Amino acid sequence: VQLVESGGGLVQPGGSLRLSCAASGFAFSRYVMRWDRQAPGKEREFVAFIASTNDSTIYARSVKGRFTISRDNDKNTVYLQMNSLKPEDTAVYYCRALVSGNDYWGQGTQVTVSS
């Protein structure tokens, strides 16, 4: 299983970024996917979840209405569209998959929201 995130960077408050996570090594379309994040000095926290089939989604309260998770099963990729970014969104963002009872994480991509 391999998860590779991309799309992070430095953005001003109010700006947008789109993160991508390219997955390989497992039957991507059969598994739920999620994004987590870890801010400096804080524990890793849940951000968003997307189901494998019906594309049902769940969001953390802190990002609901600003972030959108989506997936393209043909490209084995999950996305996180982040709008109206705030300084408190600054964190390393990780793609996560639970495959056959094992938890897998990508290497993470840094998002910094600052003026």
N, C-alpha and C. Protein backbone atom coordinates (compact mmCIF):
# COMPACT_ATOMS: atom_id res chain seq x y z
N VAL A 1 0.85 -1.19 0.00
CA VAL A 1 0.00 0.00 0.00
C VAL A 1 0.89 1.24 0.00
N GLN A 2 0.59 2.14 -0.90
CA GLN A 2 1.33 3.39 -0.94
C GLN A 2 0.36 4.55 -1.12
N LEU A 3 0.55 5.58 -0.31
CA LEU A 3 -0.25 6.78 -0.38
C LEU A 3 0.69 7.97 -0.52
N VAL A 4 0.49 8.78 -1.55
CA VAL A 4 1.39 9.90 -1.81
C VAL A 4 0.58 11.18 -1.93
N GLU A 5 0.76 12.05 -0.94
CA GLU A 5 0.03 13.32 -0.94
C GLU A 5 0.80 14.39 -1.71
N SER A 6 0.07 15.35 -2.24
CA SER A 6 0.67 16.50 -2.91
C SER A 6 -0.30 17.66 -2.86
N GLY A 7 0.20 18.85 -3.20
CA GLY A 7 -0.68 20.01 -3.31
C GLY A 7 -0.59 21.01 -2.17
N GLY A 8 0.20 20.69 -1.15
CA GLY A 8 0.33 21.63 -0.05
C GLY A 8 1.15 22.85 -0.44
N GLY A 9 1.21 23.81 0.48
CA GLY A 9 1.98 25.02 0.22
C GLY A 9 1.62 26.13 1.17
N LEU A 10 2.09 27.32 0.82
CA LEU A 10 1.82 28.53 1.61
C LEU A 10 0.69 29.30 0.94
N VAL A 11 -0.30 29.67 1.72
CA VAL A 11 -1.45 30.40 1.18
C VAL A 11 -1.88 31.45 2.19
N GLN A 12 -2.41 32.56 1.70
CA GLN A 12 -2.89 33.61 2.59
C GLN A 12 -4.24 33.23 3.18
N PRO A 13 -4.57 33.80 4.32
CA PRO A 13 -5.91 33.56 4.89
C PRO A 13 -7.00 33.92 3.88
N GLY A 14 -8.02 33.06 3.82
CA GLY A 14 -9.07 33.24 2.84
C GLY A 14 -8.83 32.56 1.52
N GLY A 15 -7.62 32.07 1.33
CA GLY A 15 -7.27 31.42 0.08
C GLY A 15 -7.71 29.97 0.01
N SER A 16 -7.33 29.31 -1.08
CA SER A 16 -7.73 27.93 -1.33
C SER A 16 -6.53 27.08 -1.74
N LEU A 17 -6.63 25.81 -1.45
CA LEU A 17 -5.68 24.81 -1.91
C LEU A 17 -6.45 23.53 -2.19
N ARG A 18 -5.90 22.72 -3.11
CA ARG A 18 -6.46 21.40 -3.38
C ARG A 18 -5.37 20.36 -3.17
N LEU A 19 -5.60 19.50 -2.21
CA LEU A 19 -4.67 18.41 -1.94
C LEU A 19 -5.10 17.17 -2.72
N SER A 20 -4.10 16.38 -3.12
CA SER A 20 -4.35 15.12 -3.79
C SER A 20 -3.61 14.01 -3.06
N CYS A 21 -4.17 12.81 -3.13
CA CYS A 21 -3.52 11.63 -2.56
C CYS A 21 -3.64 10.51 -3.58
N ALA A 22 -2.52 10.13 -4.16
CA ALA A 22 -2.48 9.03 -5.12
C ALA A 22 -2.24 7.73 -4.39
N ALA A 23 -3.14 6.78 -4.58
CA ALA A 23 -3.08 5.50 -3.87
C ALA A 23 -2.69 4.38 -4.82
N SER A 24 -1.96 3.41 -4.30
CA SER A 24 -1.60 2.24 -5.09
C SER A 24 -1.37 1.05 -4.16
N GLY A 25 -1.41 -0.13 -4.75
CA GLY A 25 -1.13 -1.34 -3.97
C GLY A 25 -2.33 -2.00 -3.33
N PHE A 26 -3.51 -1.45 -3.57
CA PHE A 26 -4.73 -2.07 -3.05
C PHE A 26 -5.90 -1.67 -3.94
N ALA A 27 -7.02 -2.33 -3.74
CA ALA A 27 -8.22 -2.07 -4.55
C ALA A 27 -8.91 -0.81 -4.05
N PHE A 28 -8.41 0.31 -4.51
CA PHE A 28 -8.79 1.63 -3.99
C PHE A 28 -10.31 1.81 -3.91
N SER A 29 -11.02 1.42 -4.94
CA SER A 29 -12.46 1.70 -5.00
C SER A 29 -13.26 0.97 -3.93
N ARG A 30 -12.66 0.01 -3.28
CA ARG A 30 -13.38 -0.80 -2.29
C ARG A 30 -13.21 -0.28 -0.86
N TYR A 31 -12.40 0.74 -0.68
CA TYR A 31 -12.07 1.18 0.68
C TYR A 31 -12.42 2.64 0.92
N VAL A 32 -12.84 2.89 2.16
CA VAL A 32 -13.05 4.27 2.55
C VAL A 32 -11.70 4.97 2.63
N MET A 33 -11.73 6.28 2.48
CA MET A 33 -10.52 7.08 2.57
C MET A 33 -10.78 8.27 3.48
N ARG A 34 -9.73 8.78 4.06
CA ARG A 34 -9.90 9.93 4.93
C ARG A 34 -8.67 10.81 4.91
N TRP A 35 -8.85 12.03 5.30
CA TRP A 35 -7.78 12.99 5.52
C TRP A 35 -7.72 13.32 7.00
N ASP A 36 -6.51 13.34 7.53
CA ASP A 36 -6.25 13.79 8.89
C ASP A 36 -5.22 14.92 8.81
N ARG A 37 -5.02 15.61 9.91
CA ARG A 37 -3.98 16.64 9.94
C ARG A 37 -3.35 16.72 11.33
N GLN A 38 -2.14 17.24 11.34
CA GLN A 38 -1.45 17.42 12.62
C GLN A 38 -0.77 18.78 12.62
N ALA A 39 -1.23 19.62 13.53
CA ALA A 39 -0.65 20.95 13.69
C ALA A 39 0.54 20.87 14.64
N PRO A 40 1.44 21.83 14.57
CA PRO A 40 2.62 21.82 15.46
C PRO A 40 2.20 21.76 16.93
N GLY A 41 2.77 20.82 17.65
CA GLY A 41 2.50 20.70 19.07
C GLY A 41 1.17 20.10 19.44
N LYS A 42 0.43 19.62 18.44
CA LYS A 42 -0.89 19.05 18.69
C LYS A 42 -0.95 17.61 18.19
N GLU A 43 -1.98 16.89 18.66
CA GLU A 43 -2.18 15.52 18.21
C GLU A 43 -2.81 15.53 16.81
N ARG A 44 -2.59 14.42 16.11
CA ARG A 44 -3.21 14.26 14.80
C ARG A 44 -4.73 14.19 14.97
N GLU A 45 -5.46 14.85 14.06
CA GLU A 45 -6.91 14.89 14.18
C GLU A 45 -7.58 14.58 12.85
N PHE A 46 -8.79 14.09 12.96
CA PHE A 46 -9.61 13.77 11.79
C PHE A 46 -10.05 15.05 11.08
N VAL A 47 -10.05 15.00 9.76
CA VAL A 47 -10.52 16.14 8.96
C VAL A 47 -11.75 15.76 8.14
N ALA A 48 -11.63 14.69 7.34
CA ALA A 48 -12.74 14.34 6.44
C ALA A 48 -12.65 12.87 6.05
N PHE A 49 -13.82 12.32 5.70
CA PHE A 49 -13.96 10.91 5.37
C PHE A 49 -14.85 10.80 4.13
N ILE A 50 -14.55 9.81 3.27
CA ILE A 50 -15.42 9.54 2.14
C ILE A 50 -15.59 8.04 2.00
N ALA A 51 -16.83 7.61 1.79
CA ALA A 51 -17.13 6.19 1.65
C ALA A 51 -16.61 5.66 0.32
N SER A 52 -16.61 4.33 0.22
CA SER A 52 -16.03 3.70 -0.96
C SER A 52 -16.98 3.70 -2.15
N THR A 53 -18.27 3.60 -1.87
CA THR A 53 -19.21 3.40 -2.97
C THR A 53 -20.15 4.56 -3.21
N ASN A 54 -20.88 4.96 -2.20
CA ASN A 54 -21.89 5.98 -2.43
C ASN A 54 -21.38 7.39 -2.21
N ASP A 55 -20.07 7.51 -1.97
CA ASP A 55 -19.45 8.83 -1.79
C ASP A 55 -20.04 9.61 -0.63
N SER A 56 -20.58 8.93 0.35
CA SER A 56 -20.99 9.63 1.57
C SER A 56 -19.77 10.26 2.22
N THR A 57 -19.96 11.43 2.80
CA THR A 57 -18.85 12.15 3.41
C THR A 57 -19.18 12.58 4.84
N ILE A 58 -18.14 12.72 5.62
CA ILE A 58 -18.23 13.23 6.99
C ILE A 58 -17.08 14.21 7.18
N TYR A 59 -17.34 15.28 7.90
CA TYR A 59 -16.32 16.31 8.12
C TYR A 59 -16.19 16.64 9.59
N ALA A 60 -15.00 17.03 9.97
CA ALA A 60 -14.81 17.60 11.29
C ALA A 60 -15.57 18.93 11.35
N ARG A 61 -16.05 19.27 12.52
CA ARG A 61 -16.85 20.49 12.67
C ARG A 61 -16.03 21.72 12.27
N SER A 62 -14.75 21.68 12.51
CA SER A 62 -13.90 22.84 12.26
C SER A 62 -13.73 23.15 10.77
N VAL A 63 -14.01 22.18 9.90
CA VAL A 63 -13.79 22.40 8.47
C VAL A 63 -15.08 22.30 7.66
N LYS A 64 -16.16 21.88 8.27
CA LYS A 64 -17.41 21.68 7.55
C LYS A 64 -17.87 22.98 6.91
N GLY A 65 -18.24 22.89 5.64
CA GLY A 65 -18.66 24.06 4.90
C GLY A 65 -17.52 24.77 4.18
N ARG A 66 -16.28 24.43 4.52
CA ARG A 66 -15.12 25.04 3.86
C ARG A 66 -14.31 24.02 3.06
N PHE A 67 -14.27 22.78 3.52
CA PHE A 67 -13.48 21.74 2.87
C PHE A 67 -14.43 20.74 2.19
N THR A 68 -13.96 20.17 1.08
CA THR A 68 -14.72 19.15 0.38
C THR A 68 -13.80 17.99 0.02
N ILE A 69 -14.17 16.79 0.47
CA ILE A 69 -13.42 15.60 0.11
C ILE A 69 -14.13 14.93 -1.07
N SER A 70 -13.33 14.41 -2.01
CA SER A 70 -13.89 13.70 -3.16
C SER A 70 -12.90 12.63 -3.59
N ARG A 71 -13.35 11.76 -4.49
CA ARG A 71 -12.48 10.70 -4.96
C ARG A 71 -12.74 10.41 -6.43
N ASP A 72 -11.70 9.94 -7.10
CA ASP A 72 -11.81 9.49 -8.48
C ASP A 72 -11.29 8.06 -8.49
N ASN A 73 -12.20 7.10 -8.53
CA ASN A 73 -11.80 5.70 -8.45
C ASN A 73 -11.08 5.23 -9.72
N ASP A 74 -11.28 5.92 -10.83
CA ASP A 74 -10.55 5.57 -12.05
C ASP A 74 -9.07 5.97 -11.95
N LYS A 75 -8.81 7.01 -11.18
CA LYS A 75 -7.44 7.49 -11.02
C LYS A 75 -6.82 7.08 -9.69
N ASN A 76 -7.58 6.33 -8.88
CA ASN A 76 -7.09 5.90 -7.55
C ASN A 76 -6.59 7.10 -6.74
N THR A 77 -7.38 8.14 -6.73
CA THR A 77 -6.96 9.38 -6.09
C THR A 77 -8.09 9.95 -5.24
N VAL A 78 -7.73 10.46 -4.09
CA VAL A 78 -8.68 11.16 -3.23
C VAL A 78 -8.19 12.60 -3.10
N TYR A 79 -9.13 13.53 -3.05
CA TYR A 79 -8.83 14.96 -3.04
C TYR A 79 -9.38 15.62 -1.79
N LEU A 80 -8.78 16.76 -1.45
CA LEU A 80 -9.34 17.61 -0.40
C LEU A 80 -9.27 19.04 -0.90
N GLN A 81 -10.42 19.58 -1.26
CA GLN A 81 -10.52 20.98 -1.67
C GLN A 81 -10.72 21.82 -0.42
N MET A 82 -9.83 22.75 -0.20
CA MET A 82 -9.86 23.57 1.01
C MET A 82 -10.06 25.03 0.61
N ASN A 83 -11.17 25.60 1.04
CA ASN A 83 -11.50 26.99 0.75
C ASN A 83 -11.56 27.78 2.05
N SER A 84 -11.52 29.09 1.92
CA SER A 84 -11.62 29.99 3.08
C SER A 84 -10.66 29.57 4.18
N LEU A 85 -9.45 29.33 3.81
CA LEU A 85 -8.46 28.82 4.76
C LEU A 85 -8.16 29.83 5.85
N LYS A 86 -7.91 29.30 7.03
CA LYS A 86 -7.62 30.10 8.22
C LYS A 86 -6.24 29.72 8.76
N PRO A 87 -5.62 30.62 9.50
CA PRO A 87 -4.31 30.28 10.08
C PRO A 87 -4.34 29.00 10.91
N GLU A 88 -5.46 28.73 11.55
CA GLU A 88 -5.55 27.52 12.37
C GLU A 88 -5.66 26.24 11.54
N ASP A 89 -5.76 26.36 10.22
CA ASP A 89 -5.71 25.20 9.35
C ASP A 89 -4.28 24.78 9.05
N THR A 90 -3.32 25.55 9.49
CA THR A 90 -1.92 25.21 9.28
C THR A 90 -1.59 23.88 9.94
N ALA A 91 -1.07 22.95 9.15
CA ALA A 91 -0.80 21.60 9.64
C ALA A 91 -0.16 20.78 8.53
N VAL A 92 0.33 19.62 8.90
CA VAL A 92 0.68 18.61 7.91
C VAL A 92 -0.57 17.76 7.68
N TYR A 93 -0.97 17.62 6.43
CA TYR A 93 -2.17 16.89 6.08
C TYR A 93 -1.78 15.50 5.56
N TYR A 94 -2.46 14.49 6.09
CA TYR A 94 -2.15 13.10 5.78
C TYR A 94 -3.37 12.41 5.16
N CYS A 95 -3.09 11.61 4.16
CA CYS A 95 -4.07 10.71 3.58
C CYS A 95 -4.00 9.40 4.37
N ARG A 96 -5.15 8.78 4.60
CA ARG A 96 -5.19 7.58 5.44
C ARG A 96 -6.14 6.56 4.84
N ALA A 97 -5.72 5.29 4.89
CA ALA A 97 -6.56 4.20 4.42
C ALA A 97 -6.47 3.04 5.41
N LEU A 98 -7.61 2.41 5.67
CA LEU A 98 -7.65 1.20 6.48
C LEU A 98 -7.89 0.03 5.52
N VAL A 99 -6.86 -0.77 5.32
CA VAL A 99 -6.91 -1.84 4.34
C VAL A 99 -6.63 -3.17 5.03
N SER A 100 -7.61 -4.06 4.97
CA SER A 100 -7.46 -5.40 5.56
C SER A 100 -7.02 -5.34 7.02
N GLY A 101 -7.61 -4.42 7.75
CA GLY A 101 -7.34 -4.30 9.18
C GLY A 101 -6.09 -3.53 9.54
N ASN A 102 -5.37 -3.04 8.55
CA ASN A 102 -4.14 -2.27 8.81
C ASN A 102 -4.34 -0.82 8.40
N ASP A 103 -3.77 0.05 9.23
CA ASP A 103 -3.84 1.49 8.97
C ASP A 103 -2.61 1.92 8.15
N TYR A 104 -2.88 2.68 7.08
CA TYR A 104 -1.79 3.19 6.25
C TYR A 104 -1.90 4.70 6.13
N TRP A 105 -0.73 5.35 6.14
CA TRP A 105 -0.66 6.80 6.05
C TRP A 105 0.32 7.19 4.96
N GLY A 106 0.07 8.32 4.35
CA GLY A 106 1.06 8.88 3.45
C GLY A 106 2.12 9.62 4.24
N GLN A 107 3.03 10.27 3.51
CA GLN A 107 4.13 10.98 4.17
C GLN A 107 3.69 12.37 4.62
N GLY A 108 2.54 12.81 4.13
CA GLY A 108 2.01 14.11 4.54
C GLY A 108 2.44 15.23 3.61
N THR A 109 1.62 16.29 3.59
CA THR A 109 1.95 17.49 2.82
C THR A 109 1.66 18.70 3.70
N GLN A 110 2.61 19.64 3.73
CA GLN A 110 2.51 20.79 4.63
C GLN A 110 1.60 21.85 4.03
N VAL A 111 0.66 22.31 4.84
CA VAL A 111 -0.19 23.45 4.49
C VAL A 111 0.06 24.55 5.51
N THR A 112 0.44 25.71 5.02
CA THR A 112 0.70 26.85 5.90
C THR A 112 -0.18 28.01 5.45
N VAL A 113 -0.99 28.51 6.38
CA VAL A 113 -1.89 29.62 6.10
C VAL A 113 -1.38 30.83 6.88
N SER A 114 -0.86 31.78 6.16
CA SER A 114 -0.24 32.94 6.81
C SER A 114 -0.19 34.11 5.84
N SER A 115 -0.30 35.30 6.40
CA SER A 115 -0.16 36.51 5.59
C SER A 115 1.29 37.00 5.62
